Amino acid sequence: MFKHYNMNQVVLPLDLEIKLDKDDMAFVVNDLVEQIPEEAFASFSRDTGCPAYHPKMMM
């Protein structure tokens, strides 16, 4: 089991002057990572201990 995360949550930037353009590379990387099927991360799942961060989040 992994800790829950949501890349689309509303977060205020520390500096309101900093904004990403619609065509920024960060959005391309996010879309690419989100297309990876969940089955690819099955080997990272553990049933004991503290829940880990999801591998997609770490990428």
N, C-alpha and C. Protein backbone atom coordinates (compact mmCIF):
# COMPACT_ATOMS: atom_id res chain seq x y z
N MET A 1 0.84 -1.18 0.00
CA MET A 1 0.00 0.00 0.00
C MET A 1 0.89 1.25 0.00
N PHE A 2 0.50 2.23 -0.78
CA PHE A 2 1.25 3.47 -0.87
C PHE A 2 0.47 4.61 -0.23
N LYS A 3 1.17 5.65 0.18
CA LYS A 3 0.53 6.85 0.68
C LYS A 3 -0.24 7.51 -0.46
N HIS A 4 -1.42 8.05 -0.15
CA HIS A 4 -2.24 8.69 -1.18
C HIS A 4 -1.61 10.03 -1.59
N TYR A 5 -1.63 10.31 -2.87
CA TYR A 5 -1.19 11.61 -3.36
C TYR A 5 -2.05 12.02 -4.53
N ASN A 6 -2.13 13.32 -4.77
CA ASN A 6 -2.93 13.86 -5.86
C ASN A 6 -2.16 15.00 -6.50
N MET A 7 -1.72 14.82 -7.73
CA MET A 7 -0.93 15.85 -8.41
C MET A 7 -1.79 17.04 -8.82
N ASN A 8 -3.09 16.91 -8.78
CA ASN A 8 -3.98 17.99 -9.20
C ASN A 8 -4.58 18.76 -8.04
N GLN A 9 -4.04 18.55 -6.83
CA GLN A 9 -4.58 19.27 -5.68
C GLN A 9 -4.21 20.75 -5.76
N VAL A 10 -4.99 21.55 -5.11
CA VAL A 10 -4.76 22.99 -5.14
C VAL A 10 -3.71 23.34 -4.09
N VAL A 11 -2.60 23.91 -4.54
CA VAL A 11 -1.53 24.34 -3.65
C VAL A 11 -1.11 25.74 -4.06
N LEU A 12 -1.04 26.63 -3.10
CA LEU A 12 -0.59 27.98 -3.40
C LEU A 12 0.93 27.97 -3.52
N PRO A 13 1.46 28.56 -4.57
CA PRO A 13 2.92 28.64 -4.69
C PRO A 13 3.50 29.58 -3.63
N LEU A 14 4.74 29.31 -3.24
CA LEU A 14 5.39 30.17 -2.25
C LEU A 14 5.52 31.59 -2.78
N ASP A 15 5.82 31.71 -4.04
CA ASP A 15 5.95 33.02 -4.66
C ASP A 15 4.89 33.13 -5.74
N LEU A 16 3.94 34.02 -5.58
CA LEU A 16 2.84 34.12 -6.54
C LEU A 16 3.29 34.62 -7.90
N GLU A 17 4.53 35.09 -8.01
CA GLU A 17 5.07 35.53 -9.30
C GLU A 17 5.44 34.33 -10.18
N ILE A 18 5.69 33.18 -9.57
CA ILE A 18 6.14 32.00 -10.31
C ILE A 18 4.93 31.20 -10.77
N LYS A 19 4.77 31.07 -12.06
CA LYS A 19 3.69 30.27 -12.64
C LYS A 19 4.24 29.50 -13.83
N LEU A 20 3.75 28.29 -14.00
CA LEU A 20 4.19 27.48 -15.13
C LEU A 20 3.33 27.78 -16.35
N ASP A 21 3.98 27.86 -17.50
CA ASP A 21 3.25 28.03 -18.75
C ASP A 21 2.53 26.74 -19.09
N LYS A 22 1.48 26.84 -19.90
CA LYS A 22 0.72 25.65 -20.31
C LYS A 22 1.58 24.64 -21.07
N ASP A 23 2.63 25.12 -21.75
CA ASP A 23 3.47 24.23 -22.55
C ASP A 23 4.79 23.89 -21.84
N ASP A 24 4.83 24.01 -20.51
CA ASP A 24 6.03 23.71 -19.76
C ASP A 24 6.32 22.20 -19.79
N MET A 25 7.59 21.84 -19.75
CA MET A 25 8.02 20.44 -19.80
C MET A 25 7.50 19.64 -18.59
N ALA A 26 7.23 20.30 -17.48
CA ALA A 26 6.74 19.61 -16.29
C ALA A 26 5.41 18.91 -16.56
N PHE A 27 4.55 19.51 -17.36
CA PHE A 27 3.26 18.90 -17.69
C PHE A 27 3.45 17.68 -18.59
N VAL A 28 4.41 17.72 -19.47
CA VAL A 28 4.70 16.58 -20.35
C VAL A 28 5.21 15.40 -19.52
N VAL A 29 6.12 15.68 -18.60
CA VAL A 29 6.67 14.63 -17.75
C VAL A 29 5.56 14.04 -16.88
N ASN A 30 4.70 14.88 -16.31
CA ASN A 30 3.60 14.40 -15.48
C ASN A 30 2.67 13.50 -16.28
N ASP A 31 2.31 13.91 -17.47
CA ASP A 31 1.43 13.10 -18.32
C ASP A 31 2.08 11.76 -18.66
N LEU A 32 3.37 11.77 -18.93
CA LEU A 32 4.09 10.54 -19.26
C LEU A 32 4.10 9.57 -18.07
N VAL A 33 4.40 10.08 -16.90
CA VAL A 33 4.44 9.24 -15.69
C VAL A 33 3.06 8.70 -15.37
N GLU A 34 2.02 9.51 -15.52
CA GLU A 34 0.66 9.07 -15.22
C GLU A 34 0.17 7.99 -16.19
N GLN A 35 0.79 7.85 -17.35
CA GLN A 35 0.39 6.83 -18.32
C GLN A 35 0.97 5.46 -17.99
N ILE A 36 1.91 5.38 -17.07
CA ILE A 36 2.49 4.10 -16.69
C ILE A 36 1.43 3.30 -15.93
N PRO A 37 1.16 2.06 -16.35
CA PRO A 37 0.10 1.28 -15.68
C PRO A 37 0.49 0.93 -14.24
N GLU A 38 -0.51 0.83 -13.37
CA GLU A 38 -0.28 0.52 -11.95
C GLU A 38 0.41 -0.85 -11.77
N GLU A 39 0.16 -1.76 -12.69
CA GLU A 39 0.76 -3.09 -12.58
C GLU A 39 2.29 -3.04 -12.62
N ALA A 40 2.84 -2.03 -13.25
CA ALA A 40 4.30 -1.90 -13.34
C ALA A 40 4.93 -1.64 -11.97
N PHE A 41 4.13 -1.18 -11.01
CA PHE A 41 4.65 -0.86 -9.69
C PHE A 41 4.28 -1.90 -8.64
N ALA A 42 3.67 -2.99 -9.04
CA ALA A 42 3.21 -4.01 -8.10
C ALA A 42 4.34 -4.60 -7.29
N SER A 43 5.52 -4.75 -7.86
CA SER A 43 6.63 -5.35 -7.13
C SER A 43 7.16 -4.45 -6.01
N PHE A 44 6.80 -3.17 -6.02
CA PHE A 44 7.26 -2.26 -4.98
C PHE A 44 6.34 -2.25 -3.75
N SER A 45 5.17 -2.85 -3.86
CA SER A 45 4.19 -2.83 -2.79
C SER A 45 4.61 -3.76 -1.66
N ARG A 46 4.45 -3.27 -0.40
CA ARG A 46 4.75 -4.06 0.79
C ARG A 46 3.55 -4.01 1.72
N ASP A 47 3.33 -5.09 2.48
CA ASP A 47 2.21 -5.15 3.40
C ASP A 47 2.60 -4.78 4.83
N THR A 48 3.88 -4.69 5.11
CA THR A 48 4.33 -4.39 6.46
C THR A 48 5.04 -3.04 6.50
N GLY A 49 5.11 -2.48 7.68
CA GLY A 49 5.81 -1.22 7.85
C GLY A 49 4.96 -0.02 7.46
N CYS A 50 5.58 1.12 7.52
CA CYS A 50 4.90 2.38 7.17
C CYS A 50 4.66 2.43 5.66
N PRO A 51 3.49 2.93 5.23
CA PRO A 51 3.24 3.03 3.79
C PRO A 51 4.28 3.92 3.10
N ALA A 52 4.74 3.47 1.97
CA ALA A 52 5.75 4.21 1.21
C ALA A 52 5.09 5.23 0.30
N TYR A 53 5.88 6.18 -0.18
CA TYR A 53 5.38 7.09 -1.20
C TYR A 53 5.23 6.31 -2.49
N HIS A 54 4.23 6.66 -3.28
CA HIS A 54 3.99 5.96 -4.53
C HIS A 54 5.16 6.20 -5.47
N PRO A 55 5.62 5.16 -6.18
CA PRO A 55 6.73 5.32 -7.12
C PRO A 55 6.49 6.39 -8.19
N LYS A 56 5.22 6.58 -8.61
CA LYS A 56 4.93 7.63 -9.59
C LYS A 56 5.26 8.99 -9.01
N MET A 57 4.97 9.17 -7.73
CA MET A 57 5.27 10.44 -7.08
C MET A 57 6.78 10.65 -6.98
N MET A 58 7.51 9.59 -6.76
CA MET A 58 8.96 9.69 -6.63
C MET A 58 9.63 9.96 -7.98
N MET A 59 8.96 9.58 -9.06
CA MET A 59 9.53 9.83 -10.39
C MET A 59 9.43 11.29 -10.71
